[in-house]
Amino acid sequence: RKLEHPDRVGWACFSPDGGCVVTVSIDGTARVWDAATGEPVTPLLAIRDDADSSSRRVYASVSHDGRRVVATLDGTARVWDSTTGN
């Protein structure tokens, strides 16, 4: 299964236990996916509302306990619960 975003994915990483994958797109969204099935765990998570897809620097990481996800886009960072997206 493809882990798709509306625009190009600029970063992806696994959780420490390998159970999920976090992707970040240059369109200003992130998403958590189940690594075994490829199904989304969260809805699209907005990092920035004013995303302009020209030259985006995107990164993501999952906390050591796997409970939180942080994603950044051009200096703006957001943190979410990895299972609910809140």
PDB file of N, CA and C in Angstrom:
ATOM      1  N   ARG A   1       0.843  -1.183   0.000  1.00  0.00           N
ATOM      2  CA  ARG A   1       0.000   0.000   0.000  1.00  0.00           C
ATOM      3  C   ARG A   1       0.887   1.246   0.000  1.00  0.00           C
ATOM      4  N   LYS A   2       0.498   2.244  -0.793  1.00  0.00           N
ATOM      5  CA  LYS A   2       1.229   3.514  -0.827  1.00  0.00           C
ATOM      6  C   LYS A   2       0.771   4.404   0.312  1.00  0.00           C
ATOM      7  N   LEU A   3       1.712   5.089   0.917  1.00  0.00           N
ATOM      8  CA  LEU A   3       1.412   6.068   1.966  1.00  0.00           C
ATOM      9  C   LEU A   3       1.355   7.427   1.288  1.00  0.00           C
ATOM     10  N   GLU A   4       0.175   7.804   0.834  1.00  0.00           N
ATOM     11  CA  GLU A   4       0.040   8.961  -0.043  1.00  0.00           C
ATOM     12  C   GLU A   4      -0.395  10.232   0.684  1.00  0.00           C
ATOM     13  N   HIS A   5       0.123  11.336   0.184  1.00  0.00           N
ATOM     14  CA  HIS A   5      -0.256  12.689   0.588  1.00  0.00           C
ATOM     15  C   HIS A   5      -0.746  13.425  -0.655  1.00  0.00           C
ATOM     16  N   PRO A   6      -1.446  14.543  -0.481  1.00  0.00           N
ATOM     17  CA  PRO A   6      -1.855  15.334  -1.641  1.00  0.00           C
ATOM     18  C   PRO A   6      -0.672  15.883  -2.450  1.00  0.00           C
ATOM     19  N   ASP A   7       0.492  16.039  -1.806  1.00  0.00           N
ATOM     20  CA  ASP A   7       1.676  16.579  -2.478  1.00  0.00           C
ATOM     21  C   ASP A   7       2.863  15.680  -2.134  1.00  0.00           C
ATOM     22  N   ARG A   8       4.032  16.043  -2.610  1.00  0.00           N
ATOM     23  CA  ARG A   8       5.258  15.253  -2.432  1.00  0.00           C
ATOM     24  C   ARG A   8       5.620  15.089  -0.956  1.00  0.00           C
ATOM     25  N   VAL A   9       6.017  13.890  -0.576  1.00  0.00           N
ATOM     26  CA  VAL A   9       6.482  13.614   0.786  1.00  0.00           C
ATOM     27  C   VAL A   9       7.957  13.967   0.861  1.00  0.00           C
ATOM     28  N   GLY A  10       8.304  14.757   1.873  1.00  0.00           N
ATOM     29  CA  GLY A  10       9.683  15.188   2.027  1.00  0.00           C
ATOM     30  C   GLY A  10      10.418  14.494   3.162  1.00  0.00           C
ATOM     31  N   TRP A  11       9.688  13.735   4.008  1.00  0.00           N
ATOM     32  CA  TRP A  11      10.331  13.087   5.140  1.00  0.00           C
ATOM     33  C   TRP A  11       9.459  11.941   5.610  1.00  0.00           C
ATOM     34  N   ALA A  12      10.078  10.866   6.058  1.00  0.00           N
ATOM     35  CA  ALA A  12       9.365   9.743   6.658  1.00  0.00           C
ATOM     36  C   ALA A  12      10.264   9.113   7.709  1.00  0.00           C
ATOM     37  N   CYS A  13       9.663   8.626   8.789  1.00  0.00           N
ATOM     38  CA  CYS A  13      10.438   7.937   9.814  1.00  0.00           C
ATOM     39  C   CYS A  13       9.558   6.915  10.525  1.00  0.00           C
ATOM     40  N   PHE A  14      10.201   5.873  11.050  1.00  0.00           N
ATOM     41  CA  PHE A  14       9.518   4.849  11.820  1.00  0.00           C
ATOM     42  C   PHE A  14       9.510   5.231  13.296  1.00  0.00           C
ATOM     43  N   SER A  15       8.499   4.752  14.013  1.00  0.00           N
ATOM     44  CA  SER A  15       8.492   4.878  15.469  1.00  0.00           C
ATOM     45  C   SER A  15       9.574   3.952  16.027  1.00  0.00           C
ATOM     46  N   PRO A  16      10.012   4.172  17.276  1.00  0.00           N
ATOM     47  CA  PRO A  16      11.065   3.326  17.839  1.00  0.00           C
ATOM     48  C   PRO A  16      10.728   1.834  17.836  1.00  0.00           C
ATOM     49  N   ASP A  17       9.456   1.471  17.984  1.00  0.00           N
ATOM     50  CA  ASP A  17       9.084   0.049  17.981  1.00  0.00           C
ATOM     51  C   ASP A  17       8.784  -0.478  16.584  1.00  0.00           C
ATOM     52  N   GLY A  18       8.842   0.383  15.573  1.00  0.00           N
ATOM     53  CA  GLY A  18       8.593  -0.019  14.199  1.00  0.00           C
ATOM     54  C   GLY A  18       7.128  -0.219  13.865  1.00  0.00           C
ATOM     55  N   GLY A  19       6.228   0.144  14.783  1.00  0.00           N
ATOM     56  CA  GLY A  19       4.806  -0.072  14.578  1.00  0.00           C
ATOM     57  C   GLY A  19       4.118   0.953  13.697  1.00  0.00           C
ATOM     58  N   CYS A  20       4.705   2.143  13.602  1.00  0.00           N
ATOM     59  CA  CYS A  20       4.085   3.162  12.759  1.00  0.00           C
ATOM     60  C   CYS A  20       5.142   3.927  11.982  1.00  0.00           C
ATOM     61  N   VAL A  21       4.669   4.584  10.959  1.00  0.00           N
ATOM     62  CA  VAL A  21       5.502   5.433  10.114  1.00  0.00           C
ATOM     63  C   VAL A  21       4.876   6.819  10.120  1.00  0.00           C
ATOM     64  N   VAL A  22       5.703   7.847  10.237  1.00  0.00           N
ATOM     65  CA  VAL A  22       5.234   9.226  10.146  1.00  0.00           C
ATOM     66  C   VAL A  22       5.766   9.806   8.852  1.00  0.00           C
ATOM     67  N   THR A  23       4.884  10.433   8.090  1.00  0.00           N
ATOM     68  CA  THR A  23       5.292  11.097   6.856  1.00  0.00           C
ATOM     69  C   THR A  23       4.947  12.577   6.954  1.00  0.00           C
ATOM     70  N   VAL A  24       5.766  13.395   6.317  1.00  0.00           N
ATOM     71  CA  VAL A  24       5.530  14.833   6.257  1.00  0.00           C
ATOM     72  C   VAL A  24       5.634  15.260   4.799  1.00  0.00           C
ATOM     73  N   SER A  25       4.642  16.012   4.359  1.00  0.00           N
ATOM     74  CA  SER A  25       4.596  16.465   2.981  1.00  0.00           C
ATOM     75  C   SER A  25       4.961  17.941   2.889  1.00  0.00           C
ATOM     76  N   ILE A  26       5.436  18.338   1.723  1.00  0.00           N
ATOM     77  CA  ILE A  26       5.735  19.755   1.509  1.00  0.00           C
ATOM     78  C   ILE A  26       4.472  20.596   1.444  1.00  0.00           C
ATOM     79  N   ASP A  27       3.291  19.937   1.423  1.00  0.00           N
ATOM     80  CA  ASP A  27       2.037  20.696   1.418  1.00  0.00           C
ATOM     81  C   ASP A  27       1.643  21.182   2.809  1.00  0.00           C
ATOM     82  N   GLY A  28       2.465  20.877   3.821  1.00  0.00           N
ATOM     83  CA  GLY A  28       2.185  21.358   5.175  1.00  0.00           C
ATOM     84  C   GLY A  28       1.402  20.382   6.023  1.00  0.00           C
ATOM     85  N   THR A  29       1.356  19.099   5.628  1.00  0.00           N
ATOM     86  CA  THR A  29       0.638  18.098   6.407  1.00  0.00           C
ATOM     87  C   THR A  29       1.566  16.962   6.816  1.00  0.00           C
ATOM     88  N   ALA A  30       1.172  16.306   7.910  1.00  0.00           N
ATOM     89  CA  ALA A  30       1.851  15.100   8.382  1.00  0.00           C
ATOM     90  C   ALA A  30       0.777  14.040   8.586  1.00  0.00           C
ATOM     91  N   ARG A  31       1.199  12.785   8.681  1.00  0.00           N
ATOM     92  CA  ARG A  31       0.250  11.707   8.948  1.00  0.00           C
ATOM     93  C   ARG A  31       0.995  10.546   9.588  1.00  0.00           C
ATOM     94  N   VAL A  32       0.295   9.848  10.485  1.00  0.00           N
ATOM     95  CA  VAL A  32       0.821   8.632  11.103  1.00  0.00           C
ATOM     96  C   VAL A  32       0.128   7.451  10.434  1.00  0.00           C
ATOM     97  N   TRP A  33       0.931   6.442  10.081  1.00  0.00           N
ATOM     98  CA  TRP A  33       0.440   5.249   9.377  1.00  0.00           C
ATOM     99  C   TRP A  33       0.788   4.006  10.167  1.00  0.00           C
ATOM    100  N   ASP A  34      -0.045   2.981  10.088  1.00  0.00           N
ATOM    101  CA  ASP A  34       0.275   1.680  10.648  1.00  0.00           C
ATOM    102  C   ASP A  34       1.316   1.048   9.728  1.00  0.00           C
ATOM    103  N   ALA A  35       2.478   0.700  10.272  1.00  0.00           N
ATOM    104  CA  ALA A  35       3.575   0.199   9.430  1.00  0.00           C
ATOM    105  C   ALA A  35       3.273  -1.168   8.826  1.00  0.00           C
ATOM    106  N   ALA A  36       2.473  -1.983   9.494  1.00  0.00           N
ATOM    107  CA  ALA A  36       2.182  -3.322   8.984  1.00  0.00           C
ATOM    108  C   ALA A  36       1.147  -3.307   7.865  1.00  0.00           C
ATOM    109  N   THR A  37       0.155  -2.428   7.988  1.00  0.00           N
ATOM    110  CA  THR A  37      -0.949  -2.443   7.019  1.00  0.00           C
ATOM    111  C   THR A  37      -0.903  -1.304   6.009  1.00  0.00           C
ATOM    112  N   GLY A  38      -0.206  -0.216   6.341  1.00  0.00           N
ATOM    113  CA  GLY A  38      -0.195   0.966   5.488  1.00  0.00           C
ATOM    114  C   GLY A  38      -1.440   1.817   5.629  1.00  0.00           C
ATOM    115  N   GLU A  39      -2.304   1.464   6.578  1.00  0.00           N
ATOM    116  CA  GLU A  39      -3.524   2.236   6.815  1.00  0.00           C
ATOM    117  C   GLU A  39      -3.215   3.466   7.659  1.00  0.00           C
ATOM    118  N   PRO A  40      -3.886   4.601   7.401  1.00  0.00           N
ATOM    119  CA  PRO A  40      -3.659   5.785   8.221  1.00  0.00           C
ATOM    120  C   PRO A  40      -4.173   5.572   9.644  1.00  0.00           C
ATOM    121  N   VAL A  41      -3.399   6.019  10.613  1.00  0.00           N
ATOM    122  CA  VAL A  41      -3.790   5.988  12.024  1.00  0.00           C
ATOM    123  C   VAL A  41      -4.442   7.313  12.390  1.00  0.00           C
ATOM    124  N   THR A  42      -3.958   8.396  11.792  1.00  0.00           N
ATOM    125  CA  THR A  42      -4.491   9.732  12.058  1.00  0.00           C
ATOM    126  C   THR A  42      -4.991  10.348  10.749  1.00  0.00           C
ATOM    127  N   PRO A  43      -5.843  11.361  10.866  1.00  0.00           N
ATOM    128  CA  PRO A  43      -6.164  12.143   9.669  1.00  0.00           C
ATOM    129  C   PRO A  43      -4.933  12.957   9.273  1.00  0.00           C
ATOM    130  N   LEU A  44      -5.005  13.665   8.172  1.00  0.00           N
ATOM    131  CA  LEU A  44      -3.920  14.590   7.824  1.00  0.00           C
ATOM    132  C   LEU A  44      -3.789  15.620   8.941  1.00  0.00           C
ATOM    133  N   LEU A  45      -2.583  15.855   9.398  1.00  0.00           N
ATOM    134  CA  LEU A  45      -2.308  16.774  10.492  1.00  0.00           C
ATOM    135  C   LEU A  45      -1.666  18.033   9.924  1.00  0.00           C
ATOM    136  N   ALA A  46      -2.300  19.169  10.120  1.00  0.00           N
ATOM    137  CA  ALA A  46      -1.795  20.423   9.547  1.00  0.00           C
ATOM    138  C   ALA A  46      -0.655  20.972  10.387  1.00  0.00           C
ATOM    139  N   ILE A  47       0.489  21.146   9.760  1.00  0.00           N
ATOM    140  CA  ILE A  47       1.626  21.782  10.432  1.00  0.00           C
ATOM    141  C   ILE A  47       1.509  23.291  10.285  1.00  0.00           C
ATOM    142  N   ARG A  48       1.211  23.725   9.069  1.00  0.00           N
ATOM    143  CA  ARG A  48       1.035  25.152   8.791  1.00  0.00           C
ATOM    144  C   ARG A  48      -0.151  25.319   7.864  1.00  0.00           C
ATOM    145  N   ASP A  49      -0.892  26.383   8.071  1.00  0.00           N
ATOM    146  CA  ASP A  49      -2.048  26.654   7.225  1.00  0.00           C
ATOM    147  C   ASP A  49      -1.681  27.367   5.935  1.00  0.00           C
ATOM    148  N   ASP A  50      -0.512  27.985   5.915  1.00  0.00           N
ATOM    149  CA  ASP A  50      -0.117  28.802   4.768  1.00  0.00           C
ATOM    150  C   ASP A  50       0.967  28.109   3.932  1.00  0.00           C
ATOM    151  N   ALA A  51       0.852  26.810   3.785  1.00  0.00           N
ATOM    152  CA  ALA A  51       1.901  26.049   3.097  1.00  0.00           C
ATOM    153  C   ALA A  51       2.034  26.472   1.640  1.00  0.00           C
ATOM    154  N   ASP A  52       3.250  26.793   1.275  1.00  0.00           N
ATOM    155  CA  ASP A  52       3.613  27.103  -0.104  1.00  0.00           C
ATOM    156  C   ASP A  52       4.649  26.060  -0.479  1.00  0.00           C
ATOM    157  N   SER A  53       4.360  25.233  -1.451  1.00  0.00           N
ATOM    158  CA  SER A  53       5.184  24.054  -1.700  1.00  0.00           C
ATOM    159  C   SER A  53       6.544  24.338  -2.329  1.00  0.00           C
ATOM    160  N   SER A  54       6.936  25.580  -2.451  1.00  0.00           N
ATOM    161  CA  SER A  54       8.253  25.857  -3.016  1.00  0.00           C
ATOM    162  C   SER A  54       9.327  25.732  -1.942  1.00  0.00           C
ATOM    163  N   SER A  55      10.251  24.832  -2.149  1.00  0.00           N
ATOM    164  CA  SER A  55      11.424  24.678  -1.295  1.00  0.00           C
ATOM    165  C   SER A  55      11.085  24.497   0.176  1.00  0.00           C
ATOM    166  N   ARG A  56      10.428  23.428   0.512  1.00  0.00           N
ATOM    167  CA  ARG A  56      10.040  23.135   1.895  1.00  0.00           C
ATOM    168  C   ARG A  56      11.079  22.257   2.567  1.00  0.00           C
ATOM    169  N   ARG A  57      11.441  22.600   3.809  1.00  0.00           N
ATOM    170  CA  ARG A  57      12.282  21.756   4.652  1.00  0.00           C
ATOM    171  C   ARG A  57      11.360  21.103   5.668  1.00  0.00           C
ATOM    172  N   VAL A  58      11.216  19.785   5.603  1.00  0.00           N
ATOM    173  CA  VAL A  58      10.299  19.069   6.472  1.00  0.00           C
ATOM    174  C   VAL A  58      11.028  17.972   7.232  1.00  0.00           C
ATOM    175  N   TYR A  59      10.622  17.746   8.476  1.00  0.00           N
ATOM    176  CA  TYR A  59      11.205  16.713   9.326  1.00  0.00           C
ATOM    177  C   TYR A  59      10.122  16.173  10.250  1.00  0.00           C
ATOM    178  N   ALA A  60      10.340  14.975  10.774  1.00  0.00           N
ATOM    179  CA  ALA A  60       9.424  14.396  11.758  1.00  0.00           C
ATOM    180  C   ALA A  60      10.206  13.454  12.657  1.00  0.00           C
ATOM    181  N   SER A  61       9.655  13.228  13.837  1.00  0.00           N
ATOM    182  CA  SER A  61      10.236  12.277  14.770  1.00  0.00           C
ATOM    183  C   SER A  61       9.133  11.767  15.680  1.00  0.00           C
ATOM    184  N   VAL A  62       9.366  10.602  16.256  1.00  0.00           N
ATOM    185  CA  VAL A  62       8.432   9.997  17.198  1.00  0.00           C
ATOM    186  C   VAL A  62       9.146   9.896  18.535  1.00  0.00           C
ATOM    187  N   SER A  63       8.427  10.190  19.631  1.00  0.00           N
ATOM    188  CA  SER A  63       9.028  10.120  20.959  1.00  0.00           C
ATOM    189  C   SER A  63       9.467   8.685  21.275  1.00  0.00           C
ATOM    190  N   HIS A  64      10.363   8.541  22.251  1.00  0.00           N
ATOM    191  CA  HIS A  64      10.900   7.222  22.595  1.00  0.00           C
ATOM    192  C   HIS A  64       9.818   6.240  23.016  1.00  0.00           C
ATOM    193  N   ASP A  65       8.756   6.734  23.657  1.00  0.00           N
ATOM    194  CA  ASP A  65       7.671   5.842  24.076  1.00  0.00           C
ATOM    195  C   ASP A  65       6.624   5.648  22.977  1.00  0.00           C
ATOM    196  N   GLY A  66       6.786   6.334  21.835  1.00  0.00           N
ATOM    197  CA  GLY A  66       5.880   6.187  20.707  1.00  0.00           C
ATOM    198  C   GLY A  66       4.557   6.911  20.841  1.00  0.00           C
ATOM    199  N   ARG A  67       4.388   7.693  21.915  1.00  0.00           N
ATOM    200  CA  ARG A  67       3.094   8.340  22.168  1.00  0.00           C
ATOM    201  C   ARG A  67       2.925   9.690  21.495  1.00  0.00           C
ATOM    202  N   ARG A  68       4.023  10.334  21.134  1.00  0.00           N
ATOM    203  CA  ARG A  68       3.946  11.666  20.529  1.00  0.00           C
ATOM    204  C   ARG A  68       4.739  11.722  19.228  1.00  0.00           C
ATOM    205  N   VAL A  69       4.230  12.564  18.343  1.00  0.00           N
ATOM    206  CA  VAL A  69       4.879  12.802  17.053  1.00  0.00           C
ATOM    207  C   VAL A  69       5.135  14.294  16.955  1.00  0.00           C
ATOM    208  N   VAL A  70       6.307  14.655  16.485  1.00  0.00           N
ATOM    209  CA  VAL A  70       6.592  16.059  16.191  1.00  0.00           C
ATOM    210  C   VAL A  70       6.937  16.145  14.708  1.00  0.00           C
ATOM    211  N   ALA A  71       6.397  17.164  14.064  1.00  0.00           N
ATOM    212  CA  ALA A  71       6.711  17.406  12.655  1.00  0.00           C
ATOM    213  C   ALA A  71       6.996  18.892  12.489  1.00  0.00           C
ATOM    214  N   THR A  72       7.957  19.204  11.633  1.00  0.00           N
ATOM    215  CA  THR A  72       8.326  20.589  11.402  1.00  0.00           C
ATOM    216  C   THR A  72       8.256  20.907   9.924  1.00  0.00           C
ATOM    217  N   LEU A  73       7.998  22.164   9.662  1.00  0.00           N
ATOM    218  CA  LEU A  73       7.974  22.679   8.295  1.00  0.00           C
ATOM    219  C   LEU A  73       8.507  24.093   8.333  1.00  0.00           C
ATOM    220  N   ASP A  74       9.675  24.296   7.757  1.00  0.00           N
ATOM    221  CA  ASP A  74      10.283  25.629   7.686  1.00  0.00           C
ATOM    222  C   ASP A  74      10.257  26.377   9.009  1.00  0.00           C
ATOM    223  N   GLY A  75      10.655  25.709  10.085  1.00  0.00           N
ATOM    224  CA  GLY A  75      10.781  26.377  11.376  1.00  0.00           C
ATOM    225  C   GLY A  75       9.531  26.363  12.233  1.00  0.00           C
ATOM    226  N   THR A  76       8.402  25.882  11.721  1.00  0.00           N
ATOM    227  CA  THR A  76       7.186  25.739  12.509  1.00  0.00           C
ATOM    228  C   THR A  76       7.078  24.278  12.920  1.00  0.00           C
ATOM    229  N   ALA A  77       6.839  24.025  14.218  1.00  0.00           N
ATOM    230  CA  ALA A  77       6.723  22.652  14.702  1.00  0.00           C
ATOM    231  C   ALA A  77       5.383  22.452  15.390  1.00  0.00           C
ATOM    232  N   ARG A  78       4.861  21.252  15.269  1.00  0.00           N
ATOM    233  CA  ARG A  78       3.635  20.853  15.962  1.00  0.00           C
ATOM    234  C   ARG A  78       3.879  19.484  16.578  1.00  0.00           C
ATOM    235  N   VAL A  79       3.200  19.238  17.715  1.00  0.00           N
ATOM    236  CA  VAL A  79       3.290  17.958  18.402  1.00  0.00           C
ATOM    237  C   VAL A  79       1.879  17.380  18.515  1.00  0.00           C
ATOM    238  N   TRP A  80       1.742  16.054  18.246  1.00  0.00           N
ATOM    239  CA  TRP A  80       0.439  15.377  18.326  1.00  0.00           C
ATOM    240  C   TRP A  80       0.566  14.085  19.088  1.00  0.00           C
ATOM    241  N   ASP A  81      -0.574  13.592  19.572  1.00  0.00           N
ATOM    242  CA  ASP A  81      -0.689  12.236  20.092  1.00  0.00           C
ATOM    243  C   ASP A  81      -0.642  11.325  18.869  1.00  0.00           C
ATOM    244  N   SER A  82       0.199  10.308  18.906  1.00  0.00           N
ATOM    245  CA  SER A  82       0.415   9.478  17.717  1.00  0.00           C
ATOM    246  C   SER A  82      -0.749   8.546  17.399  1.00  0.00           C
ATOM    247  N   THR A  83      -1.671   8.342  18.338  1.00  0.00           N
ATOM    248  CA  THR A  83      -2.770   7.440  18.066  1.00  0.00           C
ATOM    249  C   THR A  83      -4.077   8.174  17.742  1.00  0.00           C
ATOM    250  N   THR A  84      -4.192   9.426  18.189  1.00  0.00           N
ATOM    251  CA  THR A  84      -5.450  10.157  17.972  1.00  0.00           C
ATOM    252  C   THR A  84      -5.304  11.343  17.033  1.00  0.00           C
ATOM    253  N   GLY A  85      -4.089  11.870  16.904  1.00  0.00           N
ATOM    254  CA  GLY A  85      -3.885  13.073  16.101  1.00  0.00           C
ATOM    255  C   GLY A  85      -4.212  14.347  16.842  1.00  0.00           C
ATOM    256  N   ASN A  86      -4.565  14.248  18.126  1.00  0.00           N
ATOM    257  CA  ASN A  86      -4.846  15.456  18.939  1.00  0.00           C
ATOM    258  C   ASN A  86      -3.560  16.114  19.398  1.00  0.00           C
TER     259      ASN A  86
END
